C-alpha cells in the first residue's frame, strides 16, 4: 500500500539440541515471528504526511521555476554580452575611420601650410 512499516523480527531455532538422529542434525528449522510495531494510523499523521507532500511539491515547483528563471537570465545576459561586443566592434571601426580621416586632414593641412604662408606675405611694389 506504499506505507512504511516497523517490524520486530524474532528468530528461534526449533528442534531438540540433544537429538542424535542424523536427519535432525542435518536439518535446521527456525520459527520466524514478525511483530508489527508501526504506530496506529491516525488522520493527523496522514494530514501531516499530506502537508509534507504538498510542501515538497510546492518546493519542487519553486525549484523548477527558479531554474527556468535562471536559464532565462543567462540567455538575456548572453544576448546583452553579444550586443555589447557588436557595439564595441562598431565603435572600434568608427574610431579607426575617424583616425584615418584625421590623418588625411593633417596631411592636407601640411600641404596647404606653405601655400598659406606664401599668401600671407606682404606684396612688394
PDB file of N, CA and C in Angstrom:
ATOM      1  N   UNK A   1       0.818  -1.200   0.000  1.00  0.00           N
ATOM      2  CA  UNK A   1       0.000   0.000   0.000  1.00  0.00           C
ATOM      3  C   UNK A   1       0.859   1.260   0.000  1.00  0.00           C
ATOM      4  N   UNK A   2       2.168   1.112  -0.013  1.00  0.00           N
ATOM      5  CA  UNK A   2       3.053   2.265  -0.098  1.00  0.00           C
ATOM      6  C   UNK A   2       3.443   2.859   1.232  1.00  0.00           C
ATOM      7  N   UNK A   3       2.919   2.341   2.332  1.00  0.00           N
ATOM      8  CA  UNK A   3       3.267   2.865   3.651  1.00  0.00           C
ATOM      9  C   UNK A   3       4.431   2.076   4.232  1.00  0.00           C
ATOM     10  N   UNK A   4       5.281   2.759   4.940  1.00  0.00           N
ATOM     11  CA  UNK A   4       6.379   2.086   5.617  1.00  0.00           C
ATOM     12  C   UNK A   4       5.854   1.476   6.909  1.00  0.00           C
ATOM     13  N   UNK A   5       6.434   0.338   7.229  1.00  0.00           N
ATOM     14  CA  UNK A   5       6.030  -0.368   8.450  1.00  0.00           C
ATOM     15  C   UNK A   5       7.266  -0.596   9.308  1.00  0.00           C
ATOM     16  N   UNK A   6       7.061  -0.674  10.601  1.00  0.00           N
ATOM     17  CA  UNK A   6       8.139  -1.012  11.531  1.00  0.00           C
ATOM     18  C   UNK A   6       7.817  -2.388  12.096  1.00  0.00           C
ATOM     19  N   UNK A   7       8.817  -3.295  12.043  1.00  0.00           N
ATOM     20  CA  UNK A   7       8.604  -4.660  12.497  1.00  0.00           C
ATOM     21  C   UNK A   7       9.691  -5.053  13.488  1.00  0.00           C
ATOM     22  N   UNK A   8       9.313  -5.872  14.440  1.00  0.00           N
ATOM     23  CA  UNK A   8      10.270  -6.572  15.291  1.00  0.00           C
ATOM     24  C   UNK A   8      10.354  -7.976  14.736  1.00  0.00           C
ATOM     25  N   UNK A   9      11.562  -8.445  14.519  1.00  0.00           N
ATOM     26  CA  UNK A   9      11.775  -9.763  13.946  1.00  0.00           C
ATOM     27  C   UNK A   9      12.364 -10.660  15.032  1.00  0.00           C
ATOM     28  N   UNK A  10      11.761 -11.836  15.224  1.00  0.00           N
ATOM     29  CA  UNK A  10      12.237 -12.777  16.238  1.00  0.00           C
ATOM     30  C   UNK A  10      12.488 -14.116  15.554  1.00  0.00           C
ATOM     31  N   UNK A  11      13.718 -14.639  15.696  1.00  0.00           N
ATOM     32  CA  UNK A  11      14.083 -15.926  15.087  1.00  0.00           C
ATOM     33  C   UNK A  11      14.461 -16.887  16.215  1.00  0.00           C
ATOM     34  N   UNK A  12      13.762 -18.028  16.268  1.00  0.00           N
ATOM     35  CA  UNK A  12      14.002 -19.031  17.316  1.00  0.00           C
ATOM     36  C   UNK A  12      14.289 -20.369  16.645  1.00  0.00           C
ATOM     37  N   UNK A  13      15.441 -21.008  16.986  1.00  0.00           N
ATOM     38  CA  UNK A  13      15.718 -22.341  16.414  1.00  0.00           C
ATOM     39  C   UNK A  13      14.749 -23.378  16.989  1.00  0.00           C
ATOM     40  N   UNK A  14      14.352 -24.315  16.164  1.00  0.00           N
ATOM     41  CA  UNK A  14      13.435 -25.381  16.581  1.00  0.00           C
ATOM     42  C   UNK A  14      14.178 -26.708  16.595  1.00  0.00           C
ATOM     43  N   UNK A  15      13.684 -27.585  17.380  1.00  0.00           N
ATOM     44  CA  UNK A  15      14.255 -28.929  17.428  1.00  0.00           C
ATOM     45  C   UNK A  15      14.978 -29.151  18.731  1.00  0.00           C
ATOM     46  N   UNK A  16      15.304 -30.407  18.958  1.00  0.00           N
ATOM     47  CA  UNK A  16      15.977 -30.809  20.189  1.00  0.00           C
ATOM     48  C   UNK A  16      17.484 -30.702  19.978  1.00  0.00           C
ATOM     49  N   UNK A  17      18.155 -29.938  20.804  1.00  0.00           N
ATOM     50  CA  UNK A  17      19.592 -29.763  20.679  1.00  0.00           C
ATOM     51  C   UNK A  17      20.338 -31.067  20.938  1.00  0.00           C
ATOM     52  N   UNK A  18      19.797 -31.888  21.734  1.00  0.00           N
ATOM     53  CA  UNK A  18      20.463 -33.141  22.087  1.00  0.00           C
ATOM     54  C   UNK A  18      20.125 -34.273  21.145  1.00  0.00           C
ATOM     55  N   UNK A  19      19.408 -34.034  20.073  1.00  0.00           N
ATOM     56  CA  UNK A  19      18.988 -35.084  19.161  1.00  0.00           C
ATOM     57  C   UNK A  19      20.204 -35.697  18.485  1.00  0.00           C
ATOM     58  N   UNK A  20      20.192 -37.005  18.431  1.00  0.00           N
ATOM     59  CA  UNK A  20      21.321 -37.716  17.838  1.00  0.00           C
ATOM     60  C   UNK A  20      21.008 -38.213  16.448  1.00  0.00           C
ATOM     61  N   UNK A  21      19.782 -38.042  16.055  1.00  0.00           N
ATOM     62  CA  UNK A  21      19.408 -38.506  14.722  1.00  0.00           C
ATOM     63  C   UNK A  21      20.113 -37.665  13.680  1.00  0.00           C
ATOM     64  N   UNK A  22      20.644 -38.332  12.641  1.00  0.00           N
ATOM     65  CA  UNK A  22      21.363 -37.640  11.586  1.00  0.00           C
ATOM     66  C   UNK A  22      20.448 -36.655  10.861  1.00  0.00           C
ATOM     67  N   UNK A  23      19.222 -37.027  10.610  1.00  0.00           N
ATOM     68  CA  UNK A  23      18.274 -36.161   9.914  1.00  0.00           C
ATOM     69  C   UNK A  23      18.040 -34.893  10.710  1.00  0.00           C
ATOM     70  N   UNK A  24      17.891 -35.019  11.993  1.00  0.00           N
ATOM     71  CA  UNK A  24      17.641 -33.859  12.839  1.00  0.00           C
ATOM     72  C   UNK A  24      18.863 -32.964  12.893  1.00  0.00           C
ATOM     73  N   UNK A  25      20.071 -33.563  12.863  1.00  0.00           N
ATOM     74  CA  UNK A  25      21.292 -32.756  12.912  1.00  0.00           C
ATOM     75  C   UNK A  25      21.525 -32.019  11.596  1.00  0.00           C
ATOM     76  N   UNK A  26      21.177 -32.617  10.459  1.00  0.00           N
ATOM     77  CA  UNK A  26      21.429 -32.015   9.152  1.00  0.00           C
ATOM     78  C   UNK A  26      20.398 -30.951   8.797  1.00  0.00           C
ATOM     79  N   UNK A  27      19.273 -31.009   9.410  1.00  0.00           N
ATOM     80  CA  UNK A  27      18.221 -30.027   9.122  1.00  0.00           C
ATOM     81  C   UNK A  27      18.111 -29.059  10.277  1.00  0.00           C
ATOM     82  N   UNK A  28      17.982 -27.795   9.928  1.00  0.00           N
ATOM     83  CA  UNK A  28      17.794 -26.769  10.952  1.00  0.00           C
ATOM     84  C   UNK A  28      16.474 -26.070  10.659  1.00  0.00           C
ATOM     85  N   UNK A  29      15.637 -26.003  11.637  1.00  0.00           N
ATOM     86  CA  UNK A  29      14.353 -25.346  11.489  1.00  0.00           C
ATOM     87  C   UNK A  29      14.315 -24.159  12.430  1.00  0.00           C
ATOM     88  N   UNK A  30      13.669 -23.104  11.947  1.00  0.00           N
ATOM     89  CA  UNK A  30      13.577 -21.888  12.746  1.00  0.00           C
ATOM     90  C   UNK A  30      12.145 -21.390  12.738  1.00  0.00           C
ATOM     91  N   UNK A  31      11.765 -20.813  13.839  1.00  0.00           N
ATOM     92  CA  UNK A  31      10.471 -20.147  13.948  1.00  0.00           C
ATOM     93  C   UNK A  31      10.751 -18.651  13.779  1.00  0.00           C
ATOM     94  N   UNK A  32      10.169 -18.053  12.767  1.00  0.00           N
ATOM     95  CA  UNK A  32      10.377 -16.622  12.495  1.00  0.00           C
ATOM     96  C   UNK A  32       9.062 -15.907  12.753  1.00  0.00           C
ATOM     97  N   UNK A  33       9.120 -14.931  13.660  1.00  0.00           N
ATOM     98  CA  UNK A  33       7.925 -14.169  14.009  1.00  0.00           C
ATOM     99  C   UNK A  33       8.130 -12.702  13.615  1.00  0.00           C
ATOM    100  N   UNK A  34       7.125 -12.145  13.001  1.00  0.00           N
ATOM    101  CA  UNK A  34       7.122 -10.728  12.638  1.00  0.00           C
ATOM    102  C   UNK A  34       6.103 -10.032  13.518  1.00  0.00           C
ATOM    103  N   UNK A  35       6.551  -9.045  14.265  1.00  0.00           N
ATOM    104  CA  UNK A  35       5.656  -8.310  15.140  1.00  0.00           C
ATOM    105  C   UNK A  35       5.585  -6.871  14.622  1.00  0.00           C
ATOM    106  N   UNK A  36       4.409  -6.473  14.159  1.00  0.00           N
ATOM    107  CA  UNK A  36       4.210  -5.126  13.625  1.00  0.00           C
ATOM    108  C   UNK A  36       4.162  -4.133  14.787  1.00  0.00           C
ATOM    109  N   UNK A  37       5.130  -3.194  14.806  1.00  0.00           N
ATOM    110  CA  UNK A  37       5.172  -2.189  15.871  1.00  0.00           C
ATOM    111  C   UNK A  37       4.962  -0.784  15.298  1.00  0.00           C
ATOM    112  N   UNK A  38       4.415  -0.726  14.099  1.00  0.00           N
ATOM    113  CA  UNK A  38       4.112   0.564  13.491  1.00  0.00           C
ATOM    114  C   UNK A  38       3.044   1.262  14.322  1.00  0.00           C
ATOM    115  N   UNK A  39       3.244   2.571  14.626  1.00  0.00           N
ATOM    116  CA  UNK A  39       2.211   3.270  15.387  1.00  0.00           C
ATOM    117  C   UNK A  39       0.883   3.222  14.635  1.00  0.00           C
ATOM    118  N   UNK A  40      -0.213   3.192  15.379  1.00  0.00           N
ATOM    119  CA  UNK A  40      -1.529   3.116  14.724  1.00  0.00           C
ATOM    120  C   UNK A  40      -1.743   4.321  13.803  1.00  0.00           C
ATOM    121  N   UNK A  41      -2.453   4.047  12.738  1.00  0.00           N
ATOM    122  CA  UNK A  41      -2.766   5.084  11.749  1.00  0.00           C
ATOM    123  C   UNK A  41      -3.722   6.104  12.355  1.00  0.00           C
ATOM    124  N   UNK A  42      -3.403   7.370  12.119  1.00  0.00           N
ATOM    125  CA  UNK A  42      -4.320   8.413  12.592  1.00  0.00           C
ATOM    126  C   UNK A  42      -4.449   9.469  11.507  1.00  0.00           C
ATOM    127  N   UNK A  43      -5.611  10.112  11.426  1.00  0.00           N
ATOM    128  CA  UNK A  43      -5.809  11.163  10.417  1.00  0.00           C
ATOM    129  C   UNK A  43      -4.785  12.290  10.567  1.00  0.00           C
ATOM    130  N   UNK A  44      -4.319  12.566  11.782  1.00  0.00           N
ATOM    131  CA  UNK A  44      -3.338  13.635  11.988  1.00  0.00           C
ATOM    132  C   UNK A  44      -2.027  13.288  11.296  1.00  0.00           C
ATOM    133  N   UNK A  45      -1.653  12.008  11.390  1.00  0.00           N
ATOM    134  CA  UNK A  45      -0.418  11.569  10.726  1.00  0.00           C
ATOM    135  C   UNK A  45      -0.578  11.703   9.225  1.00  0.00           C
ATOM    136  N   UNK A  46      -1.750  11.293   8.708  1.00  0.00           N
ATOM    137  CA  UNK A  46      -1.995  11.404   7.274  1.00  0.00           C
ATOM    138  C   UNK A  46      -1.994  12.871   6.845  1.00  0.00           C
ATOM    139  N   UNK A  47      -2.618  13.733   7.640  1.00  0.00           N
ATOM    140  CA  UNK A  47      -2.648  15.159   7.315  1.00  0.00           C
ATOM    141  C   UNK A  47      -1.238  15.730   7.307  1.00  0.00           C
ATOM    142  N   UNK A  48      -0.422  15.323   8.264  1.00  0.00           N
ATOM    143  CA  UNK A  48       0.973  15.781   8.304  1.00  0.00           C
ATOM    144  C   UNK A  48       1.712  15.302   7.072  1.00  0.00           C
ATOM    145  N   UNK A  49       1.495  14.041   6.704  1.00  0.00           N
ATOM    146  CA  UNK A  49       2.141  13.491   5.513  1.00  0.00           C
ATOM    147  C   UNK A  49       1.691  14.237   4.261  1.00  0.00           C
ATOM    148  N   UNK A  50       0.396  14.528   4.185  1.00  0.00           N
ATOM    149  CA  UNK A  50      -0.116  15.266   3.032  1.00  0.00           C
ATOM    150  C   UNK A  50       0.483  16.674   2.980  1.00  0.00           C
ATOM    151  N   UNK A  51       0.619  17.313   4.151  1.00  0.00           N
ATOM    152  CA  UNK A  51       1.224  18.654   4.188  1.00  0.00           C
ATOM    153  C   UNK A  51       2.676  18.599   3.723  1.00  0.00           C
ATOM    154  N   UNK A  52       3.389  17.566   4.191  1.00  0.00           N
ATOM    155  CA  UNK A  52       4.781  17.411   3.771  1.00  0.00           C
ATOM    156  C   UNK A  52       4.856  17.189   2.268  1.00  0.00           C
ATOM    157  N   UNK A  53       3.975  16.324   1.747  1.00  0.00           N
ATOM    158  CA  UNK A  53       3.956  16.041   0.320  1.00  0.00           C
ATOM    159  C   UNK A  53       3.609  17.301  -0.466  1.00  0.00           C
ATOM    160  N   UNK A  54       2.606  18.038   0.020  1.00  0.00           N
ATOM    161  CA  UNK A  54       2.218  19.283  -0.649  1.00  0.00           C
ATOM    162  C   UNK A  54       3.370  20.286  -0.604  1.00  0.00           C
ATOM    163  N   UNK A  55       4.030  20.387   0.541  1.00  0.00           N
ATOM    164  CA  UNK A  55       5.178  21.285   0.674  1.00  0.00           C
ATOM    165  C   UNK A  55       6.307  20.867  -0.254  1.00  0.00           C
ATOM    166  N   UNK A  56       6.532  19.567  -0.366  1.00  0.00           N
ATOM    167  CA  UNK A  56       7.578  19.063  -1.261  1.00  0.00           C
ATOM    168  C   UNK A  56       7.225  19.390  -2.706  1.00  0.00           C
ATOM    169  N   UNK A  57       5.941  19.194  -3.087  1.00  0.00           N
ATOM    170  CA  UNK A  57       5.513  19.518  -4.443  1.00  0.00           C
ATOM    171  C   UNK A  57       5.683  21.006  -4.727  1.00  0.00           C
ATOM    172  N   UNK A  58       5.327  21.828  -3.730  1.00  0.00           N
ATOM    173  CA  UNK A  58       5.487  23.274  -3.915  1.00  0.00           C
ATOM    174  C   UNK A  58       6.956  23.645  -4.048  1.00  0.00           C
ATOM    175  N   UNK A  59       7.809  23.021  -3.239  1.00  0.00           N
ATOM    176  CA  UNK A  59       9.237  23.348  -3.332  1.00  0.00           C
ATOM    177  C   UNK A  59       9.809  22.827  -4.646  1.00  0.00           C
ATOM    178  N   UNK A  60       9.305  21.690  -5.142  1.00  0.00           N
ATOM    179  CA  UNK A  60       9.733  21.195  -6.451  1.00  0.00           C
ATOM    180  C   UNK A  60       9.329  22.175  -7.548  1.00  0.00           C
ATOM    181  N   UNK A  61       8.092  22.663  -7.456  1.00  0.00           N
ATOM    182  CA  UNK A  61       7.621  23.642  -8.443  1.00  0.00           C
ATOM    183  C   UNK A  61       8.437  24.923  -8.352  1.00  0.00           C
ATOM    184  N   UNK A  62       8.731  25.359  -7.148  1.00  0.00           N
ATOM    185  CA  UNK A  62       9.534  26.569  -6.946  1.00  0.00           C
ATOM    186  C   UNK A  62      10.932  26.361  -7.511  1.00  0.00           C
ATOM    187  N   UNK A  63      11.496  25.181  -7.290  1.00  0.00           N
ATOM    188  CA  UNK A  63      12.820  24.861  -7.835  1.00  0.00           C
ATOM    189  C   UNK A  63      12.817  24.894  -9.356  1.00  0.00           C
ATOM    190  N   UNK A  64      11.785  24.318  -9.969  1.00  0.00           N
ATOM    191  CA  UNK A  64      11.676  24.346 -11.434  1.00  0.00           C
ATOM    192  C   UNK A  64      11.537  25.778 -11.930  1.00  0.00           C
ATOM    193  N   UNK A  65      10.714  26.572 -11.221  1.00  0.00           N
ATOM    194  CA  UNK A  65      10.518  27.970 -11.622  1.00  0.00           C
ATOM    195  C   UNK A  65      11.834  28.741 -11.522  1.00  0.00           C
ATOM    196  N   UNK A  66      12.577  28.495 -10.450  1.00  0.00           N
ATOM    197  CA  UNK A  66      13.856  29.193 -10.281  1.00  0.00           C
ATOM    198  C   UNK A  66      14.868  28.770 -11.340  1.00  0.00           C
ATOM    199  N   UNK A  67      14.891  27.480 -11.684  1.00  0.00           N
ATOM    200  CA  UNK A  67      15.790  27.015 -12.741  1.00  0.00           C
ATOM    201  C   UNK A  67      15.434  27.662 -14.072  1.00  0.00           C
ATOM    202  N   UNK A  68      14.137  27.755 -14.358  1.00  0.00           N
ATOM    203  CA  UNK A  68      13.695  28.385 -15.601  1.00  0.00           C
ATOM    204  C   UNK A  68      14.068  29.870 -15.609  1.00  0.00           C
ATOM    205  N   UNK A  69      13.865  30.528 -14.483  1.00  0.00           N
ATOM    206  CA  UNK A  69      14.220  31.947 -14.376  1.00  0.00           C
ATOM    207  C   UNK A  69      15.725  32.139 -14.558  1.00  0.00           C
ATOM    208  N   UNK A  70      16.510  31.246 -13.981  1.00  0.00           N
ATOM    209  CA  UNK A  70      17.966  31.314 -14.127  1.00  0.00           C
ATOM    210  C   UNK A  70      18.367  31.126 -15.584  1.00  0.00           C
ATOM    211  N   UNK A  71      17.753  30.170 -16.262  1.00  0.00           N
ATOM    212  CA  UNK A  71      18.053  29.939 -17.685  1.00  0.00           C
ATOM    213  C   UNK A  71      17.697  31.172 -18.509  1.00  0.00           C
ATOM    214  N   UNK A  72      16.548  31.787 -18.220  1.00  0.00           N
ATOM    215  CA  UNK A  72      16.142  32.999 -18.944  1.00  0.00           C
ATOM    216  C   UNK A  72      17.115  34.146 -18.674  1.00  0.00           C
ATOM    217  N   UNK A  73      17.560  34.269 -17.427  1.00  0.00           N
ATOM    218  CA  UNK A  73      18.514  35.320 -17.078  1.00  0.00           C
ATOM    219  C   UNK A  73      19.839  35.102 -17.794  1.00  0.00           C
ATOM    220  N   UNK A  74      20.287  33.851 -17.851  1.00  0.00           N
ATOM    221  CA  UNK A  74      21.532  33.537 -18.575  1.00  0.00           C
ATOM    222  C   UNK A  74      21.400  33.896 -20.055  1.00  0.00           C
ATOM    223  N   UNK A  75      20.260  33.554 -20.654  1.00  0.00           N
ATOM    224  CA  UNK A  75      20.046  33.885 -22.063  1.00  0.00           C
ATOM    225  C   UNK A  75      20.075  35.399 -22.274  1.00  0.00           C
ATOM    226  N   UNK A  76      19.422  36.129 -21.382  1.00  0.00           N
ATOM    227  CA  UNK A  76      19.403  37.594 -21.504  1.00  0.00           C
ATOM    228  C   UNK A  76      20.807  38.167 -21.345  1.00  0.00           C
ATOM    229  N   UNK A  77      21.569  37.630 -20.399  1.00  0.00           N
ATOM    230  CA  UNK A  77      22.943  38.094 -20.188  1.00  0.00           C
ATOM    231  C   UNK A  77      23.805  37.784 -21.410  1.00  0.00           C
ATOM    232  N   UNK A  78      23.674  36.583 -21.941  1.00  0.00           N
ATOM    233  CA  UNK A  78      24.429  36.194 -23.138  1.00  0.00           C
ATOM    234  C   UNK A  78      24.090  37.132 -24.290  1.00  0.00           C
ATOM    235  N   UNK A  79      22.815  37.439 -24.465  1.00  0.00           N
ATOM    236  CA  UNK A  79      22.383  38.340 -25.524  1.00  0.00           C
ATOM    237  C   UNK A  79      22.951  39.745 -25.313  1.00  0.00           C
ATOM    238  N   UNK A  80      22.941  40.219 -24.068  1.00  0.00           N
ATOM    239  CA  UNK A  80      23.479  41.545 -23.768  1.00  0.00           C
ATOM    240  C   UNK A  80      24.977  41.601 -24.050  1.00  0.00           C
ATOM    241  N   UNK A  81      25.695  40.540 -23.714  1.00  0.00           N
ATOM    242  CA  UNK A  81      27.141  40.498 -23.962  1.00  0.00           C
ATOM    243  C   UNK A  81      27.415  40.497 -25.467  1.00  0.00           C
ATOM    244  N   UNK A  82      26.642  39.722 -26.220  1.00  0.00           N
ATOM    245  CA  UNK A  82      26.817  39.698 -27.679  1.00  0.00           C
ATOM    246  C   UNK A  82      26.536  41.073 -28.270  1.00  0.00           C
ATOM    247  N   UNK A  83      25.491  41.729 -27.788  1.00  0.00           N
ATOM    248  CA  UNK A  83      25.150  43.070 -28.261  1.00  0.00           C
ATOM    249  C   UNK A  83      26.266  44.051 -27.923  1.00  0.00           C
ATOM    250  N   UNK A  84      26.816  43.940 -26.710  1.00  0.00           N
ATOM    251  CA  UNK A  84      27.908  44.821 -26.296  1.00  0.00           C
ATOM    252  C   UNK A  84      29.142  44.593 -27.167  1.00  0.00           C
ATOM    253  N   UNK A  85      29.451  43.334 -27.449  1.00  0.00           N
ATOM    254  CA  UNK A  85      30.592  43.021 -28.312  1.00  0.00           C
ATOM    255  C   UNK A  85      30.403  43.607 -29.707  1.00  0.00           C
ATOM    256  N   UNK A  86      29.186  43.500 -30.223  1.00  0.00           N
ATOM    257  CA  UNK A  86      28.884  44.054 -31.543  1.00  0.00           C
ATOM    258  C   UNK A  86      29.059  45.576 -31.549  1.00  0.00           C
ATOM    259  N   UNK A  87      28.532  46.242 -30.526  1.00  0.00           N
ATOM    260  CA  UNK A  87      28.683  47.703 -30.430  1.00  0.00           C
ATOM    261  C   UNK A  87      30.151  48.094 -30.293  1.00  0.00           C
ATOM    262  N   UNK A  88      30.895  47.323 -29.531  1.00  0.00           N
ATOM    263  CA  UNK A  88      32.324  47.604 -29.345  1.00  0.00           C
ATOM    264  C   UNK A  88      33.042  47.536 -30.683  1.00  0.00           C
ATOM    265  N   UNK A  89      32.745  46.522 -31.490  1.00  0.00           N
ATOM    266  CA  UNK A  89      33.356  46.400 -32.814  1.00  0.00           C
ATOM    267  C   UNK A  89      32.982  47.579 -33.700  1.00  0.00           C
ATOM    268  N   UNK A  90      31.719  47.989 -33.644  1.00  0.00           N
ATOM    269  CA  UNK A  90      31.279  49.141 -34.445  1.00  0.00           C
ATOM    270  C   UNK A  90      32.004  50.414 -34.009  1.00  0.00           C
ATOM    271  N   UNK A  91      32.156  50.625 -32.706  1.00  0.00           N
ATOM    272  CA  UNK A  91      32.866  51.814 -32.213  1.00  0.00           C
ATOM    273  C   UNK A  91      34.335  51.780 -32.598  1.00  0.00           C
ATOM    274  N   UNK A  92      34.953  50.595 -32.543  1.00  0.00           N
ATOM    275  CA  UNK A  92      36.350  50.485 -32.940  1.00  0.00           C
ATOM    276  C   UNK A  92      36.510  50.817 -34.416  1.00  0.00           C
ATOM    277  N   UNK A  93      35.598  50.319 -35.233  1.00  0.00           N
ATOM    278  CA  UNK A  93      35.636  50.600 -36.667  1.00  0.00           C
ATOM    279  C   UNK A  93      35.445  52.097 -36.928  1.00  0.00           C
ATOM    280  N   UNK A  94      34.473  52.705 -36.247  1.00  0.00           N
ATOM    281  CA  UNK A  94      34.235  54.143 -36.411  1.00  0.00           C
ATOM    282  C   UNK A  94      35.443  54.939 -35.940  1.00  0.00           C
ATOM    283  N   UNK A  95      36.069  54.517 -34.857  1.00  0.00           N
ATOM    284  CA  UNK A  95      37.254  55.202 -34.341  1.00  0.00           C
ATOM    285  C   UNK A  95      38.394  55.120 -35.356  1.00  0.00           C
ATOM    286  N   UNK A  96      38.586  53.960 -35.961  1.00  0.00           N
ATOM    287  CA  UNK A  96      39.626  53.813 -36.980  1.00  0.00           C
ATOM    288  C   UNK A  96      39.358  54.731 -38.170  1.00  0.00           C
ATOM    289  N   UNK A  97      38.104  54.831 -38.587  1.00  0.00           N
ATOM    290  CA  UNK A  97      37.754  55.735 -39.691  1.00  0.00           C
ATOM    291  C   UNK A  97      38.039  57.188 -39.321  1.00  0.00           C
ATOM    292  N   UNK A  98      37.723  57.558 -38.096  1.00  0.00           N
ATOM    293  CA  UNK A  98      37.973  58.934 -37.633  1.00  0.00           C
ATOM    294  C   UNK A  98      39.469  59.218 -37.600  1.00  0.00           C
ATOM    295  N   UNK A  99      40.262  58.258 -37.105  1.00  0.00           N
ATOM    296  CA  UNK A  99      41.718  58.435 -37.077  1.00  0.00           C
ATOM    297  C   UNK A  99      42.280  58.578 -38.487  1.00  0.00           C
ATOM    298  N   UNK A 100      41.765  57.765 -39.397  1.00  0.00           N
ATOM    299  CA  UNK A 100      42.203  57.848 -40.787  1.00  0.00           C
ATOM    300  C   UNK A 100      41.852  59.209 -41.392  1.00  0.00           C
ATOM    301  N   UNK A 101      40.619  59.678 -41.143  1.00  0.00           N
ATOM    302  CA  UNK A 101      40.197  60.988 -41.653  1.00  0.00           C
ATOM    303  C   UNK A 101      41.041  62.086 -41.032  1.00  0.00           C
ATOM    304  N   UNK A 102      41.395  61.964 -39.753  1.00  0.00           N
ATOM    305  CA  UNK A 102      42.227  62.947 -39.071  1.00  0.00           C
ATOM    306  C   UNK A 102      43.618  62.997 -39.704  1.00  0.00           C
ATOM    307  N   UNK A 103      44.182  61.827 -40.029  1.00  0.00           N
ATOM    308  CA  UNK A 103      45.491  61.781 -40.684  1.00  0.00           C
ATOM    309  C   UNK A 103      45.438  62.461 -42.047  1.00  0.00           C
ATOM    310  N   UNK A 104      44.355  62.208 -42.791  1.00  0.00           N
ATOM    311  CA  UNK A 104      44.201  62.851 -44.097  1.00  0.00           C
ATOM    312  C   UNK A 104      44.116  64.370 -43.950  1.00  0.00           C
ATOM    313  N   UNK A 105      43.353  64.819 -42.929  1.00  0.00           N
ATOM    314  CA  UNK A 105      43.241  66.271 -42.708  1.00  0.00           C
ATOM    315  C   UNK A 105      44.587  66.874 -42.313  1.00  0.00           C
ATOM    316  N   UNK A 106      45.353  66.175 -41.498  1.00  0.00           N
ATOM    317  CA  UNK A 106      46.668  66.675 -41.112  1.00  0.00           C
ATOM    318  C   UNK A 106      47.583  66.754 -42.328  1.00  0.00           C
ATOM    319  N   UNK A 107      47.531  65.723 -43.163  1.00  0.00           N
ATOM    320  CA  UNK A 107      48.346  65.723 -44.372  1.00  0.00           C
ATOM    321  C   UNK A 107      47.942  66.874 -45.288  1.00  0.00           C
ATOM    322  N   UNK A 108      46.653  67.068 -45.459  1.00  0.00           N
ATOM    323  CA  UNK A 108      46.167  68.179 -46.299  1.00  0.00           C
ATOM    324  C   UNK A 108      46.578  69.505 -45.684  1.00  0.00           C
ATOM    325  N   UNK A 109      46.478  69.631 -44.388  1.00  0.00           N
ATOM    326  CA  UNK A 109      46.864  70.856 -43.684  1.00  0.00           C
ATOM    327  C   UNK A 109      48.357  71.132 -43.892  1.00  0.00           C
ATOM    328  N   UNK A 110      49.173  70.077 -43.820  1.00  0.00           N
ATOM    329  CA  UNK A 110      50.608  70.241 -44.034  1.00  0.00           C
ATOM    330  C   UNK A 110      50.902  70.677 -45.463  1.00  0.00           C
ATOM    331  N   UNK A 111      50.135  70.151 -46.422  1.00  0.00           N
ATOM    332  CA  UNK A 111      50.321  70.550 -47.820  1.00  0.00           C
ATOM    333  C   UNK A 111      49.911  72.004 -48.030  1.00  0.00           C
ATOM    334  N   UNK A 112      48.870  72.425 -47.326  1.00  0.00           N
ATOM    335  CA  UNK A 112      48.368  73.785 -47.504  1.00  0.00           C
ATOM    336  C   UNK A 112      49.176  74.817 -46.721  1.00  0.00           C
ATOM    337  N   UNK A 113      49.916  74.422 -45.733  1.00  0.00           N
ATOM    338  CA  UNK A 113      50.659  75.337 -44.875  1.00  0.00           C
ATOM    339  C   UNK A 113      51.643  76.209 -45.673  1.00  0.00           C
ATOM    340  N   UNK A 114      52.472  75.653 -46.557  1.00  0.00           N
ATOM    341  CA  UNK A 114      53.378  76.523 -47.327  1.00  0.00           C
ATOM    342  C   UNK A 114      52.622  77.509 -48.214  1.00  0.00           C
ATOM    343  N   UNK A 115      51.543  77.096 -48.769  1.00  0.00           N
ATOM    344  CA  UNK A 115      50.745  77.985 -49.620  1.00  0.00           C
ATOM    345  C   UNK A 115      50.164  79.126 -48.793  1.00  0.00           C
ATOM    346  N   UNK A 116      49.723  78.784 -47.593  1.00  0.00           N
ATOM    347  CA  UNK A 116      49.134  79.803 -46.723  1.00  0.00           C
ATOM    348  C   UNK A 116      50.196  80.836 -46.347  1.00  0.00           C
ATOM    349  N   UNK A 117      51.376  80.346 -46.059  1.00  0.00           N
ATOM    350  CA  UNK A 117      52.441  81.267 -45.714  1.00  0.00           C
ATOM    351  C   UNK A 117      52.778  82.176 -46.882  1.00  0.00           C
ATOM    352  N   UNK A 118      52.764  81.609 -48.076  1.00  0.00           N
ATOM    353  CA  UNK A 118      53.088  82.437 -49.239  1.00  0.00           C
ATOM    354  C   UNK A 118      51.978  83.439 -49.517  1.00  0.00           C
ATOM    355  N   UNK A 119      50.791  83.112 -49.173  1.00  0.00           N
ATOM    356  CA  UNK A 119      49.670  84.029 -49.394  1.00  0.00           C
ATOM    357  C   UNK A 119      49.649  85.149 -48.341  1.00  0.00           C
ATOM    358  N   UNK A 120      50.234  84.903 -47.224  1.00  0.00           N
ATOM    359  CA  UNK A 120      50.230  85.880 -46.146  1.00  0.00           C
ATOM    360  C   UNK A 120      51.406  86.857 -46.231  1.00  0.00           C
ATOM    361  N   UNK A 121      52.317  86.647 -47.161  1.00  0.00           N
ATOM    362  CA  UNK A 121      53.449  87.554 -47.309  1.00  0.00           C
ATOM    363  C   UNK A 121      52.959  88.900 -47.871  1.00  0.00           C
ATOM    364  N   UNK A 122      53.495  89.945 -47.353  1.00  0.00           N
ATOM    365  CA  UNK A 122      53.094  91.260 -47.914  1.00  0.00           C
ATOM    366  C   UNK A 122      53.641  91.389 -49.331  1.00  0.00           C
ATOM    367  N   UNK A 123      52.903  92.009 -50.131  1.00  0.00           N
ATOM    368  CA  UNK A 123      53.296  92.206 -51.523  1.00  0.00           C
ATOM    369  C   UNK A 123      54.212  93.412 -51.627  1.00  0.00           C
ATOM    370  N   UNK A 124      55.259  93.274 -52.410  1.00  0.00           N
ATOM    371  CA  UNK A 124      56.168  94.380 -52.619  1.00  0.00           C
ATOM    372  C   UNK A 124      55.902  95.020 -53.953  1.00  0.00           C
ATOM    373  N   UNK A 125      55.961  96.332 -53.978  1.00  0.00           N
ATOM    374  CA  UNK A 125      55.724  97.052 -55.216  1.00  0.00           C
ATOM    375  C   UNK A 125      56.981  97.568 -55.789  1.00  0.00           C
TER     376      UNK A 125
END
